[in-house]
Amino acid sequence: MSTIESVSQRIKQNGVIAIVRGDYSTDDMLRIGEALLVGTVTAMEVTMNSPAVLTALPRLRDRFRAEMLIGAGTVRDVAQARLAHDAGAEFIVSPNLDLEAVSFTRANDLLHLPGVFTATEAQTAFAAGCRMLKIFPMDAVGPAYLKALRAPLNDIDFVPTGGVSLENIAEYALAGAAAVGLGSKLVVSREQASKDLTARAHALRAAWEQGKHG
């Protein structure tokens, strides 16, 4: 099994990707990772427009090793993909579809979730070799749109991001999401208490499992 396949399987098994975006220090991110792990969320994405990202990624990888997947988000082009890869990201997520970045990640056996919204964009990414895609932004359309998109594209793993919350995460699971990405609905701010983050993570994971398995 390739690294791309094994990482995508781990993401699907857990179901929730926590997105960390903003002016968090590396120590902040380590604390966030600890709280997420206690809350049984085991995939964490640090966005490339976060100032400490390139310092934090190798520290996070070293700390969590096999316990948690550490990825880079908001990877918009091949230059950022290369930076994320060199910093140790185990997967990368994009808001857009950049085919040069896709070529780079596939050549380096690095899972890449490009951002798509339409069936045409999804098929373009699929034809380029991507089997797991970020569908974004979801808050404008909701779970019904995901269900409709999956009808003709049921061999693609979609990861809805934007607008996913505790109130609707089960609906996304029922609509066939492979996993979901959550930012501020999970990781609120630097001042957020670890116990609050852990409680949110637990609740989201429970709601996800309920939606998936009934």
Protein backbone atom coordinates (compact mmCIF):
# COMPACT_ATOMS: atom_id res chain seq x y z
CA MET A 1 0.00 0.00 0.00
CA SER A 2 1.31 3.46 -0.90
CA THR A 3 1.69 6.20 1.70
CA ILE A 4 -1.10 8.11 -0.07
CA GLU A 5 -3.43 5.14 0.37
CA SER A 6 -2.50 4.47 3.99
CA VAL A 7 -2.88 8.13 5.03
CA SER A 8 -6.22 8.45 3.26
CA GLN A 9 -7.42 5.30 5.03
CA ARG A 10 -6.44 6.74 8.41
CA ILE A 11 -8.30 9.97 7.66
CA LYS A 12 -11.42 8.03 6.70
CA GLN A 13 -11.16 5.87 9.82
CA ASN A 14 -11.10 8.92 12.10
CA GLY A 15 -13.42 11.14 10.08
CA VAL A 16 -12.45 14.54 11.51
CA ILE A 17 -9.60 16.83 10.43
CA ALA A 18 -8.94 19.70 12.86
CA ILE A 19 -7.82 22.86 11.04
CA VAL A 20 -5.50 25.28 12.85
CA ARG A 21 -5.30 28.68 11.19
CA GLY A 22 -3.87 31.91 12.57
CA ASP A 23 -1.23 33.36 14.84
CA TYR A 24 -0.63 30.29 17.01
CA SER A 25 2.86 29.61 18.33
CA THR A 26 4.46 26.20 17.99
CA ASP A 27 3.82 25.61 21.70
CA ASP A 28 0.16 26.54 21.17
CA MET A 29 -0.08 23.96 18.40
CA LEU A 30 1.56 21.27 20.50
CA ARG A 31 -0.98 21.94 23.26
CA ILE A 32 -3.81 21.86 20.71
CA GLY A 33 -2.55 18.53 19.40
CA GLU A 34 -2.49 17.06 22.91
CA ALA A 35 -6.08 18.18 23.55
CA LEU A 36 -7.28 16.85 20.20
CA LEU A 37 -5.62 13.50 20.83
CA VAL A 38 -7.41 13.15 24.17
CA GLY A 39 -10.61 14.00 22.31
CA THR A 40 -9.94 11.18 19.78
CA VAL A 41 -9.37 13.49 16.81
CA THR A 42 -6.18 12.22 15.22
CA ALA A 43 -5.69 14.39 12.11
CA MET A 44 -4.50 17.98 12.40
CA GLU A 45 -3.98 20.44 9.57
CA VAL A 46 -1.94 23.63 10.04
CA THR A 47 -2.56 26.18 7.30
CA MET A 48 0.29 27.67 5.31
CA ASN A 49 -0.94 31.20 6.06
CA SER A 50 -0.24 30.62 9.76
CA PRO A 51 3.05 32.36 10.63
CA ALA A 52 4.61 29.47 12.61
CA VAL A 53 3.60 26.67 10.23
CA LEU A 54 7.04 25.68 8.90
CA THR A 55 8.51 25.65 12.38
CA ALA A 56 5.55 23.83 13.86
CA LEU A 57 5.17 20.99 11.33
CA PRO A 58 8.42 19.14 12.18
CA ARG A 59 7.86 19.66 15.92
CA LEU A 60 4.33 18.27 15.65
CA ARG A 61 5.53 15.28 13.63
CA ASP A 62 8.26 14.58 16.19
CA ARG A 63 5.85 14.85 19.13
CA PHE A 64 2.93 12.82 17.81
CA ARG A 65 4.61 10.38 15.43
CA ALA A 66 2.17 7.50 14.76
CA GLU A 67 -0.51 8.84 17.12
CA MET A 68 -1.70 11.70 14.92
CA LEU A 69 -1.51 12.69 11.26
CA ILE A 70 0.01 16.15 10.76
CA GLY A 71 -0.79 17.98 7.54
CA ALA A 72 -0.50 21.39 5.92
CA GLY A 73 -3.50 23.34 4.64
CA THR A 74 -4.14 26.31 2.34
CA VAL A 75 -1.45 24.95 0.01
CA ARG A 76 -2.20 26.93 -3.14
CA ASP A 77 0.67 26.11 -5.51
CA VAL A 78 3.62 23.83 -6.09
CA ALA A 79 6.06 26.08 -4.23
CA GLN A 80 3.96 25.82 -1.06
CA ALA A 81 3.51 22.09 -1.62
CA ARG A 82 7.29 21.69 -1.72
CA LEU A 83 7.71 23.72 1.48
CA ALA A 84 5.06 21.65 3.26
CA HIS A 85 6.62 18.38 2.08
CA ASP A 86 10.09 19.46 3.19
CA ALA A 87 8.71 20.46 6.61
CA GLY A 88 7.30 16.97 7.10
CA ALA A 89 3.60 17.31 6.28
CA GLU A 90 1.96 13.88 5.98
CA PHE A 91 -0.85 15.27 3.84
CA ILE A 92 -1.69 18.59 2.24
CA VAL A 93 -5.02 20.31 1.66
CA SER A 94 -5.76 23.09 -0.82
CA PRO A 95 -8.63 25.54 -1.34
CA ASN A 96 -8.08 25.21 -5.09
CA LEU A 97 -6.99 22.73 -7.77
CA ASP A 98 -3.44 23.34 -8.98
CA LEU A 99 -2.37 20.56 -11.35
CA GLU A 100 1.34 21.29 -10.98
CA ALA A 101 1.03 20.83 -7.22
CA VAL A 102 -0.91 17.59 -7.82
CA SER A 103 1.92 16.28 -10.01
CA PHE A 104 4.49 17.12 -7.34
CA THR A 105 2.57 15.45 -4.52
CA ARG A 106 1.86 12.31 -6.52
CA ALA A 107 5.55 12.02 -7.48
CA ASN A 108 6.41 12.24 -3.78
CA ASP A 109 3.69 9.83 -2.55
CA LEU A 110 2.10 12.64 -0.51
CA LEU A 111 -1.67 12.67 -0.03
CA HIS A 112 -3.12 15.84 -1.56
CA LEU A 113 -6.70 16.96 -1.08
CA PRO A 114 -7.22 19.70 -3.70
CA GLY A 115 -10.20 21.98 -3.26
CA VAL A 116 -13.12 21.55 -5.67
CA PHE A 117 -16.74 22.65 -5.79
CA THR A 118 -18.27 21.48 -9.07
CA ALA A 119 -18.53 18.10 -10.77
CA THR A 120 -16.20 19.31 -13.52
CA GLU A 121 -13.52 20.34 -11.03
CA ALA A 122 -13.91 17.05 -9.16
CA GLN A 123 -13.50 15.02 -12.35
CA THR A 124 -10.45 17.07 -13.37
CA ALA A 125 -8.82 16.30 -10.01
CA PHE A 126 -9.82 12.63 -10.27
CA ALA A 127 -8.33 12.37 -13.77
CA ALA A 128 -5.10 13.88 -12.39
CA GLY A 129 -4.90 11.05 -9.86
CA CYS A 130 -6.56 12.47 -6.73
CA ARG A 131 -9.08 10.15 -5.07
CA MET A 132 -9.78 12.23 -1.94
CA LEU A 133 -10.92 15.82 -2.50
CA LYS A 134 -11.77 18.76 -0.30
CA ILE A 135 -15.17 20.14 -1.26
CA PHE A 136 -15.28 23.80 -0.30
CA PRO A 137 -17.03 26.01 0.73
CA MET A 138 -19.87 23.86 2.03
CA ASP A 139 -21.70 26.45 4.14
CA ALA A 140 -23.28 27.87 0.97
CA VAL A 141 -24.90 24.59 -0.07
CA GLY A 142 -24.95 21.99 2.73
CA PRO A 143 -25.21 18.19 2.87
CA ALA A 144 -27.84 17.92 0.10
CA TYR A 145 -25.30 19.25 -2.40
CA LEU A 146 -22.74 16.65 -1.33
CA LYS A 147 -25.31 13.88 -1.74
CA ALA A 148 -26.22 15.12 -5.22
CA LEU A 149 -22.56 15.39 -6.26
CA ARG A 150 -21.77 11.90 -5.02
CA ALA A 151 -24.52 10.28 -7.08
CA PRO A 152 -22.49 10.36 -10.33
CA LEU A 153 -19.09 10.59 -8.59
CA ASN A 154 -19.41 7.85 -5.99
CA ASP A 155 -15.84 6.63 -6.54
CA ILE A 156 -14.43 9.89 -5.13
CA ASP A 157 -13.86 10.49 -1.40
CA PHE A 158 -15.18 13.96 -0.60
CA VAL A 159 -14.13 15.87 2.53
CA PRO A 160 -16.57 18.77 3.11
CA THR A 161 -15.01 21.84 4.69
CA GLY A 162 -16.50 25.21 5.62
CA GLY A 163 -19.70 25.34 7.63
CA VAL A 164 -19.38 21.88 9.22
CA SER A 165 -20.43 21.95 12.88
CA LEU A 166 -21.64 19.74 15.71
CA GLU A 167 -25.19 20.46 14.57
CA ASN A 168 -24.72 19.10 11.04
CA ILE A 169 -21.71 16.77 11.08
CA ALA A 170 -23.94 13.69 11.26
CA GLU A 171 -25.85 14.92 8.20
CA TYR A 172 -22.60 15.10 6.26
CA ALA A 173 -21.75 11.57 7.35
CA LEU A 174 -25.17 10.38 6.19
CA ALA A 175 -24.70 12.20 2.87
CA GLY A 176 -21.57 10.13 2.25
CA ALA A 177 -18.66 12.34 3.34
CA ALA A 178 -15.40 10.40 3.69
CA ALA A 179 -14.34 12.82 6.44
CA VAL A 180 -14.87 16.49 7.32
CA GLY A 181 -12.62 19.46 8.02
CA LEU A 182 -13.38 21.89 10.84
CA GLY A 183 -11.61 25.07 11.85
CA SER A 184 -13.14 27.60 14.23
CA LYS A 185 -16.03 25.31 15.19
CA LEU A 186 -13.39 23.13 16.87
CA VAL A 187 -10.16 25.11 17.38
CA VAL A 188 -11.54 28.45 18.56
CA SER A 189 -8.61 30.63 19.64
CA ARG A 190 -5.29 30.72 21.48
CA GLU A 191 -7.22 31.36 24.70
CA GLN A 192 -9.38 28.25 24.34
CA ALA A 193 -8.97 25.91 27.31
CA SER A 194 -7.62 22.46 26.52
CA LYS A 195 -10.61 20.83 28.24
CA ASP A 196 -13.01 22.79 25.99
CA LEU A 197 -11.13 21.69 22.88
CA THR A 198 -11.11 18.07 24.07
CA ALA A 199 -14.85 18.23 24.82
CA ARG A 200 -15.61 19.66 21.36
CA ALA A 201 -13.46 16.99 19.73
CA HIS A 202 -15.20 14.19 21.64
CA ALA A 203 -18.65 15.53 20.77
CA LEU A 204 -17.83 15.90 17.08
CA ARG A 205 -16.34 12.41 16.85
CA ALA A 206 -19.39 10.92 18.59
CA ALA A 207 -21.78 12.74 16.25
CA TRP A 208 -19.73 11.66 13.24
CA GLU A 209 -19.80 8.01 14.32
CA GLN A 210 -23.53 8.22 14.92
CA GLY A 211 -24.07 9.58 11.41
CA LYS A 212 -21.82 6.94 9.88
CA HIS A 213 -23.09 3.92 11.75
CA GLY A 214 -26.46 4.91 13.16
